[in-house]
PDB file of N, CA and C in Angstrom:
ATOM      1  N   MET A   1      54.818 204.720  28.271  1.00  0.00           N
ATOM      2  CA  MET A   1      55.853 204.408  29.154  1.00  0.00           C
ATOM      3  C   MET A   1      56.866 203.743  29.255  1.00  0.00           C
ATOM      4  N   SER A   2      58.235 203.931  29.236  1.00  0.00           N
ATOM      5  CA  SER A   2      59.192 202.915  28.963  1.00  0.00           C
ATOM      6  C   SER A   2      59.433 202.097  30.280  1.00  0.00           C
ATOM      7  N   PRO A   3      59.814 200.816  30.011  1.00  0.00           N
ATOM      8  CA  PRO A   3      59.924 199.793  30.931  1.00  0.00           C
ATOM      9  C   PRO A   3      60.847 200.389  32.039  1.00  0.00           C
ATOM     10  N   MET A   4      61.948 201.211  31.933  1.00  0.00           N
ATOM     11  CA  MET A   4      62.766 201.630  32.962  1.00  0.00           C
ATOM     12  C   MET A   4      61.935 202.708  33.594  1.00  0.00           C
ATOM     13  N   ARG A   5      61.058 203.301  33.134  1.00  0.00           N
ATOM     14  CA  ARG A   5      60.277 204.252  33.972  1.00  0.00           C
ATOM     15  C   ARG A   5      59.323 203.666  34.802  1.00  0.00           C
ATOM     16  N   ARG A   6      58.770 202.566  34.223  1.00  0.00           N
ATOM     17  CA  ARG A   6      57.882 201.706  35.021  1.00  0.00           C
ATOM     18  C   ARG A   6      58.605 201.067  36.170  1.00  0.00           C
ATOM     19  N   LEU A   7      59.671 200.678  36.238  1.00  0.00           N
ATOM     20  CA  LEU A   7      60.477 200.062  37.024  1.00  0.00           C
ATOM     21  C   LEU A   7      60.787 201.129  38.125  1.00  0.00           C
ATOM     22  N   VAL A   8      61.072 202.227  37.874  1.00  0.00           N
ATOM     23  CA  VAL A   8      61.717 203.309  39.094  1.00  0.00           C
ATOM     24  C   VAL A   8      60.459 203.487  39.465  1.00  0.00           C
ATOM     25  N   LEU A   9      59.184 203.850  39.086  1.00  0.00           N
ATOM     26  CA  LEU A   9      57.833 204.002  39.505  1.00  0.00           C
ATOM     27  C   LEU A   9      57.535 202.970  40.542  1.00  0.00           C
ATOM     28  N   ARG A  10      57.408 201.611  40.116  1.00  0.00           N
ATOM     29  CA  ARG A  10      57.229 200.606  40.915  1.00  0.00           C
ATOM     30  C   ARG A  10      58.040 200.473  42.207  1.00  0.00           C
ATOM     31  N   MET A  11      59.177 200.575  42.068  1.00  0.00           N
ATOM     32  CA  MET A  11      60.492 200.599  43.073  1.00  0.00           C
ATOM     33  C   MET A  11      60.147 201.747  44.048  1.00  0.00           C
ATOM     34  N   THR A  12      59.716 202.928  43.437  1.00  0.00           N
ATOM     35  CA  THR A  12      59.576 203.979  44.395  1.00  0.00           C
ATOM     36  C   THR A  12      58.075 203.700  45.299  1.00  0.00           C
ATOM     37  N   LEU A  13      57.236 203.132  44.539  1.00  0.00           N
ATOM     38  CA  LEU A  13      55.859 203.074  45.407  1.00  0.00           C
ATOM     39  C   LEU A  13      55.979 201.981  46.403  1.00  0.00           C
ATOM     40  N   VAL A  14      56.702 200.947  46.140  1.00  0.00           N
ATOM     41  CA  VAL A  14      57.183 199.746  47.228  1.00  0.00           C
ATOM     42  C   VAL A  14      57.985 200.472  48.215  1.00  0.00           C
ATOM     43  N   ALA A  15      58.882 201.216  47.852  1.00  0.00           N
ATOM     44  CA  ALA A  15      59.757 201.553  48.854  1.00  0.00           C
ATOM     45  C   ALA A  15      59.023 202.657  49.755  1.00  0.00           C
ATOM     46  N   SER A  16      58.191 203.242  49.139  1.00  0.00           N
ATOM     47  CA  SER A  16      57.262 204.368  49.855  1.00  0.00           C
ATOM     48  C   SER A  16      56.269 203.773  50.992  1.00  0.00           C
ATOM     49  N   LEU A  17      55.559 202.711  50.530  1.00  0.00           N
ATOM     50  CA  LEU A  17      54.782 201.917  51.111  1.00  0.00           C
ATOM     51  C   LEU A  17      55.530 201.244  52.549  1.00  0.00           C
ATOM     52  N   PHE A  18      56.749 200.844  52.101  1.00  0.00           N
ATOM     53  CA  PHE A  18      57.673 200.050  53.349  1.00  0.00           C
ATOM     54  C   PHE A  18      57.882 201.002  54.204  1.00  0.00           C
ATOM     55  N   ALA A  19      58.217 202.159  53.822  1.00  0.00           N
ATOM     56  CA  ALA A  19      58.639 203.375  54.738  1.00  0.00           C
ATOM     57  C   ALA A  19      57.225 203.807  55.546  1.00  0.00           C
ATOM     58  N   ALA A  20      56.060 203.770  54.983  1.00  0.00           N
ATOM     59  CA  ALA A  20      54.996 204.000  55.767  1.00  0.00           C
ATOM     60  C   ALA A  20      54.525 203.196  56.818  1.00  0.00           C
ATOM     61  N   VAL A  21      54.750 201.797  56.493  1.00  0.00           N
ATOM     62  CA  VAL A  21      54.364 200.781  57.364  1.00  0.00           C
ATOM     63  C   VAL A  21      55.365 200.829  58.318  1.00  0.00           C
ATOM     64  N   CYS A  22      56.601 200.741  58.356  1.00  0.00           N
ATOM     65  CA  CYS A  22      57.643 201.006  59.284  1.00  0.00           C
ATOM     66  C   CYS A  22      57.384 202.144  60.292  1.00  0.00           C
ATOM     67  N   ALA A  23      57.200 203.505  59.819  1.00  0.00           N
ATOM     68  CA  ALA A  23      56.967 204.538  60.409  1.00  0.00           C
ATOM     69  C   ALA A  23      55.648 204.488  61.338  1.00  0.00           C
ATOM     70  N   PHE A  24      54.625 203.654  60.651  1.00  0.00           N
ATOM     71  CA  PHE A  24      53.520 203.686  61.481  1.00  0.00           C
ATOM     72  C   PHE A  24      53.702 202.436  62.574  1.00  0.00           C
ATOM     73  N   SER A  25      54.396 201.376  62.140  1.00  0.00           N
ATOM     74  CA  SER A  25      54.517 200.444  63.477  1.00  0.00           C
ATOM     75  C   SER A  25      55.407 200.770  64.362  1.00  0.00           C
ATOM     76  N   ILE A  26      56.402 201.582  64.083  1.00  0.00           N
ATOM     77  CA  ILE A  26      57.416 202.235  65.267  1.00  0.00           C
ATOM     78  C   ILE A  26      56.643 203.169  66.028  1.00  0.00           C
ATOM     79  N   GLY A  27      55.623 203.888  65.466  1.00  0.00           N
ATOM     80  CA  GLY A  27      54.777 204.659  66.204  1.00  0.00           C
ATOM     81  C   GLY A  27      54.036 204.119  67.133  1.00  0.00           C
ATOM     82  N   ALA A  28      53.363 203.199  66.455  1.00  0.00           N
ATOM     83  CA  ALA A  28      52.389 202.114  67.301  1.00  0.00           C
ATOM     84  C   ALA A  28      53.111 201.532  68.424  1.00  0.00           C
ATOM     85  N   ALA A  29      54.367 201.125  68.212  1.00  0.00           N
ATOM     86  CA  ALA A  29      55.153 200.305  69.285  1.00  0.00           C
ATOM     87  C   ALA A  29      55.674 201.150  70.305  1.00  0.00           C
ATOM     88  N   THR A  30      55.817 202.611  70.037  1.00  0.00           N
ATOM     89  CA  THR A  30      56.176 203.191  71.118  1.00  0.00           C
ATOM     90  C   THR A  30      55.087 204.106  71.948  1.00  0.00           C
ATOM     91  N   GLY A  31      53.934 203.533  71.675  1.00  0.00           N
ATOM     92  CA  GLY A  31      52.770 204.198  72.175  1.00  0.00           C
ATOM     93  C   GLY A  31      52.134 205.707  71.902  1.00  0.00           C
ATOM     94  N   VAL A  32      52.567 206.225  70.615  1.00  0.00           N
ATOM     95  CA  VAL A  32      51.973 207.551  70.258  1.00  0.00           C
ATOM     96  C   VAL A  32      50.681 207.306  69.912  1.00  0.00           C
ATOM     97  N   SER A  33      49.825 208.398  70.005  1.00  0.00           N
ATOM     98  CA  SER A  33      48.539 208.418  69.566  1.00  0.00           C
ATOM     99  C   SER A  33      48.400 208.057  67.920  1.00  0.00           C
ATOM    100  N   THR A  34      47.298 207.104  67.304  1.00  0.00           N
ATOM    101  CA  THR A  34      47.211 206.651  66.093  1.00  0.00           C
ATOM    102  C   THR A  34      47.247 207.956  65.271  1.00  0.00           C
ATOM    103  N   SER A  35      46.793 209.421  65.495  1.00  0.00           N
ATOM    104  CA  SER A  35      46.807 210.429  64.516  1.00  0.00           C
ATOM    105  C   SER A  35      48.213 210.758  64.179  1.00  0.00           C
ATOM    106  N   VAL A  36      49.122 210.625  65.372  1.00  0.00           N
ATOM    107  CA  VAL A  36      50.531 211.139  65.171  1.00  0.00           C
ATOM    108  C   VAL A  36      50.951 209.953  64.284  1.00  0.00           C
ATOM    109  N   ALA A  37      50.780 208.765  64.621  1.00  0.00           N
ATOM    110  CA  ALA A  37      51.544 207.733  63.846  1.00  0.00           C
ATOM    111  C   ALA A  37      51.104 207.612  62.476  1.00  0.00           C
ATOM    112  N   ILE A  38      49.678 207.979  62.140  1.00  0.00           N
ATOM    113  CA  ILE A  38      49.298 207.983  60.505  1.00  0.00           C
ATOM    114  C   ILE A  38      49.934 209.300  60.108  1.00  0.00           C
ATOM    115  N   PHE A  39      50.135 210.248  60.675  1.00  0.00           N
ATOM    116  CA  PHE A  39      50.816 211.576  60.201  1.00  0.00           C
ATOM    117  C   PHE A  39      52.402 211.161  59.819  1.00  0.00           C
ATOM    118  N   ARG A  40      53.083 210.617  60.801  1.00  0.00           N
ATOM    119  CA  ARG A  40      54.342 210.130  60.327  1.00  0.00           C
ATOM    120  C   ARG A  40      54.421 209.086  59.411  1.00  0.00           C
ATOM    121  N   ALA A  41      53.659 208.313  59.083  1.00  0.00           N
ATOM    122  CA  ALA A  41      53.595 207.386  57.971  1.00  0.00           C
ATOM    123  C   ALA A  41      53.333 208.216  56.791  1.00  0.00           C
ATOM    124  N   ILE A  42      52.523 208.928  56.759  1.00  0.00           N
ATOM    125  CA  ILE A  42      52.202 209.932  55.397  1.00  0.00           C
ATOM    126  C   ILE A  42      53.369 210.576  55.204  1.00  0.00           C
ATOM    127  N   LEU A  43      53.968 211.279  56.061  1.00  0.00           N
ATOM    128  CA  LEU A  43      55.278 212.045  56.029  1.00  0.00           C
ATOM    129  C   LEU A  43      56.645 211.358  55.562  1.00  0.00           C
ATOM    130  N   ALA A  44      56.778 209.940  56.019  1.00  0.00           N
ATOM    131  CA  ALA A  44      57.832 208.983  55.525  1.00  0.00           C
ATOM    132  C   ALA A  44      57.350 208.821  54.168  1.00  0.00           C
ATOM    133  N   ALA A  45      56.128 208.324  53.442  1.00  0.00           N
ATOM    134  CA  ALA A  45      55.910 207.969  52.336  1.00  0.00           C
ATOM    135  C   ALA A  45      56.087 209.131  51.540  1.00  0.00           C
ATOM    136  N   ALA A  46      55.736 210.393  51.899  1.00  0.00           N
ATOM    137  CA  ALA A  46      56.002 211.534  51.169  1.00  0.00           C
ATOM    138  C   ALA A  46      57.435 211.749  50.743  1.00  0.00           C
ATOM    139  N   ILE A  47      58.228 211.883  51.774  1.00  0.00           N
ATOM    140  CA  ILE A  47      59.642 212.074  51.724  1.00  0.00           C
ATOM    141  C   ILE A  47      60.320 210.807  50.763  1.00  0.00           C
ATOM    142  N   VAL A  48      60.032 209.648  51.082  1.00  0.00           N
ATOM    143  CA  VAL A  48      60.491 208.622  49.922  1.00  0.00           C
ATOM    144  C   VAL A  48      59.906 208.837  48.746  1.00  0.00           C
ATOM    145  N   ALA A  49      58.739 209.037  48.403  1.00  0.00           N
ATOM    146  CA  ALA A  49      58.402 209.368  47.152  1.00  0.00           C
ATOM    147  C   ALA A  49      58.904 210.490  46.462  1.00  0.00           C
ATOM    148  N   LEU A  50      59.309 211.564  47.032  1.00  0.00           N
ATOM    149  CA  LEU A  50      60.016 212.671  46.440  1.00  0.00           C
ATOM    150  C   LEU A  50      61.260 212.315  46.153  1.00  0.00           C
ATOM    151  N   ALA A  51      62.151 211.506  46.944  1.00  0.00           N
ATOM    152  CA  ALA A  51      63.179 211.116  46.882  1.00  0.00           C
ATOM    153  C   ALA A  51      63.406 210.186  45.446  1.00  0.00           C
ATOM    154  N   GLY A  52      62.377 209.297  45.226  1.00  0.00           N
ATOM    155  CA  GLY A  52      62.528 208.515  44.463  1.00  0.00           C
ATOM    156  C   GLY A  52      61.992 209.209  42.992  1.00  0.00           C
ATOM    157  N   ALA A  53      61.248 210.106  42.948  1.00  0.00           N
ATOM    158  CA  ALA A  53      61.156 211.045  41.960  1.00  0.00           C
ATOM    159  C   ALA A  53      62.260 211.527  41.414  1.00  0.00           C
ATOM    160  N   GLY A  54      63.055 212.143  42.307  1.00  0.00           N
ATOM    161  CA  GLY A  54      64.606 212.786  42.075  1.00  0.00           C
ATOM    162  C   GLY A  54      65.213 212.298  41.380  1.00  0.00           C
ATOM    163  N   ALA A  55      65.306 210.450  41.958  1.00  0.00           N
ATOM    164  CA  ALA A  55      65.978 209.747  41.166  1.00  0.00           C
ATOM    165  C   ALA A  55      65.874 209.250  39.929  1.00  0.00           C
ATOM    166  N   GLY A  56      64.470 208.978  39.813  1.00  0.00           N
ATOM    167  CA  GLY A  56      63.696 208.762  38.504  1.00  0.00           C
ATOM    168  C   GLY A  56      64.071 209.782  37.119  1.00  0.00           C
ATOM    169  N   LEU A  57      64.234 211.358  37.725  1.00  0.00           N
ATOM    170  CA  LEU A  57      64.603 212.266  36.803  1.00  0.00           C
ATOM    171  C   LEU A  57      65.981 212.147  36.465  1.00  0.00           C
ATOM    172  N   VAL A  58      66.843 211.901  37.468  1.00  0.00           N
ATOM    173  CA  VAL A  58      68.327 211.729  37.143  1.00  0.00           C
ATOM    174  C   VAL A  58      68.618 210.441  36.085  1.00  0.00           C
ATOM    175  N   LEU A  59      68.029 209.193  36.573  1.00  0.00           N
ATOM    176  CA  LEU A  59      68.011 208.129  35.492  1.00  0.00           C
ATOM    177  C   LEU A  59      67.372 208.457  34.085  1.00  0.00           C
ATOM    178  N   MET A  60      66.357 209.334  34.181  1.00  0.00           N
ATOM    179  CA  MET A  60      65.959 209.638  32.622  1.00  0.00           C
ATOM    180  C   MET A  60      66.616 210.421  32.000  1.00  0.00           C
ATOM    181  N   ARG A  61      67.506 211.376  32.589  1.00  0.00           N
ATOM    182  CA  ARG A  61      68.273 212.473  32.108  1.00  0.00           C
ATOM    183  C   ARG A  61      69.461 211.544  31.623  1.00  0.00           C
ATOM    184  N   THR A  62      70.039 210.653  32.309  1.00  0.00           N
ATOM    185  CA  THR A  62      71.177 210.165  31.846  1.00  0.00           C
ATOM    186  C   THR A  62      70.927 209.194  30.524  1.00  0.00           C
ATOM    187  N   ALA A  63      69.623 208.600  30.396  1.00  0.00           N
ATOM    188  CA  ALA A  63      69.135 207.579  29.517  1.00  0.00           C
ATOM    189  C   ALA A  63      69.001 208.330  28.477  1.00  0.00           C
ATOM    190  N   LEU A  64      68.403 209.393  28.348  1.00  0.00           N
ATOM    191  CA  LEU A  64      68.219 210.328  27.361  1.00  0.00           C
ATOM    192  C   LEU A  64      69.521 210.813  26.430  1.00  0.00           C
ATOM    193  N   ARG A  65      70.247 211.418  27.548  1.00  0.00           N
ATOM    194  CA  ARG A  65      71.758 211.740  27.103  1.00  0.00           C
ATOM    195  C   ARG A  65      72.493 210.686  26.288  1.00  0.00           C
ATOM    196  N   ARG A  66      72.211 209.620  26.957  1.00  0.00           N
ATOM    197  CA  ARG A  66      73.251 208.518  26.128  1.00  0.00           C
ATOM    198  C   ARG A  66      72.443 208.138  24.924  1.00  0.00           C
ATOM    199  N   TYR A  67      71.044 208.199  24.948  1.00  0.00           N
ATOM    200  CA  TYR A  67      70.390 208.011  23.449  1.00  0.00           C
ATOM    201  C   TYR A  67      70.791 208.866  22.535  1.00  0.00           C
ATOM    202  N   TYR A  68      70.871 210.295  23.002  1.00  0.00           N
ATOM    203  CA  TYR A  68      71.208 211.121  21.977  1.00  0.00           C
ATOM    204  C   TYR A  68      72.720 211.273  21.793  1.00  0.00           C
ATOM    205  N   GLU A  69      73.416 210.976  22.524  1.00  0.00           N
ATOM    206  CA  GLU A  69      74.927 211.093  22.059  1.00  0.00           C
ATOM    207  C   GLU A  69      75.087 209.600  21.213  1.00  0.00           C
ATOM    208  N   SER A  70      74.504 208.627  21.463  1.00  0.00           N
ATOM    209  CA  SER A  70      74.599 207.431  20.382  1.00  0.00           C
ATOM    210  C   SER A  70      74.328 207.889  18.808  1.00  0.00           C
ATOM    211  N   GLY A  71      73.504 208.566  18.642  1.00  0.00           N
ATOM    212  CA  GLY A  71      73.271 208.960  17.316  1.00  0.00           C
ATOM    213  C   GLY A  71      74.165 210.149  16.755  1.00  0.00           C
ATOM    214  N   ARG A  72      74.885 210.695  17.585  1.00  0.00           N
ATOM    215  CA  ARG A  72      75.647 211.675  17.062  1.00  0.00           C
ATOM    216  C   ARG A  72      77.171 211.024  16.592  1.00  0.00           C
ATOM    217  N   PRO A  73      77.777 211.632  15.519  1.00  0.00           N
ATOM    218  CA  PRO A  73      79.067 211.144  15.195  1.00  0.00           C
ATOM    219  C   PRO A  73      79.998 211.276  16.084  1.00  0.00           C
ATOM    220  N   ASN A  74      80.772 210.336  16.473  1.00  0.00           N
ATOM    221  CA  ASN A  74      82.126 210.568  17.412  1.00  0.00           C
ATOM    222  C   ASN A  74      83.009 211.408  16.884  1.00  0.00           C
ATOM    223  N   SER A  75      83.227 212.387  17.670  1.00  0.00           N
ATOM    224  CA  SER A  75      84.310 213.420  17.049  1.00  0.00           C
ATOM    225  C   SER A  75      85.683 213.335  17.748  1.00  0.00           C
ATOM    226  N   GLY A  76      85.656 212.022  18.865  1.00  0.00           N
ATOM    227  CA  GLY A  76      86.980 211.735  19.234  1.00  0.00           C
ATOM    228  C   GLY A  76      86.763 212.573  20.794  1.00  0.00           C
ATOM    229  N   ASN A  77      87.995 212.419  21.229  1.00  0.00           N
ATOM    230  CA  ASN A  77      88.091 213.216  22.493  1.00  0.00           C
ATOM    231  C   ASN A  77      88.163 214.663  22.434  1.00  0.00           C
ATOM    232  N   ARG A  78      87.314 215.362  23.088  1.00  0.00           N
ATOM    233  CA  ARG A  78      87.408 216.918  22.875  1.00  0.00           C
ATOM    234  C   ARG A  78      88.631 217.655  23.949  1.00  0.00           C
ATOM    235  N   ARG A  79      89.217 216.904  24.617  1.00  0.00           N
ATOM    236  CA  ARG A  79      90.075 217.446  25.614  1.00  0.00           C
ATOM    237  C   ARG A  79      91.317 217.749  24.865  1.00  0.00           C
ATOM    238  N   VAL A  80      92.022 218.677  25.376  1.00  0.00           N
ATOM    239  CA  VAL A  80      93.476 219.298  24.656  1.00  0.00           C
ATOM    240  C   VAL A  80      94.434 218.344  25.144  1.00  0.00           C
ATOM    241  N   PRO A  81      95.158 217.806  23.988  1.00  0.00           N
ATOM    242  CA  PRO A  81      96.330 216.846  24.667  1.00  0.00           C
ATOM    243  C   PRO A  81      97.369 217.604  25.339  1.00  0.00           C
ATOM    244  N   THR A  82      97.978 216.625  26.111  1.00  0.00           N
ATOM    245  CA  THR A  82      99.127 217.368  26.866  1.00  0.00           C
ATOM    246  C   THR A  82     100.259 216.552  26.723  1.00  0.00           C
ATOM    247  N   ASP A  83     101.440 216.757  26.672  1.00  0.00           N
ATOM    248  CA  ASP A  83     102.606 216.077  26.722  1.00  0.00           C
ATOM    249  C   ASP A  83     102.872 215.466  28.359  1.00  0.00           C
ATOM    250  N   ARG A  84     103.317 214.256  28.117  1.00  0.00           N
ATOM    251  CA  ARG A  84     103.342 213.514  29.180  1.00  0.00           C
ATOM    252  C   ARG A  84     104.523 212.864  29.191  1.00  0.00           C
TER     253      ARG A  84
END
């Protein structure tokens, strides 16, 4: 596993746990039942984990694109030149 991938995974895990703790503490502070607070914490953790996974996919796609484009010979600008 690449260092970048491990970093994204670690950051996602930390953010997910932080969201779960915040959701649980807000639920406990407002006086809802423990089962509802736990459900909200699990839901918050799942949402943040899914968002982190999506961000990780975008980052890995960008990294792979840069890697493969760096090996290709540079053909210059492919846009049509305009007179200005």
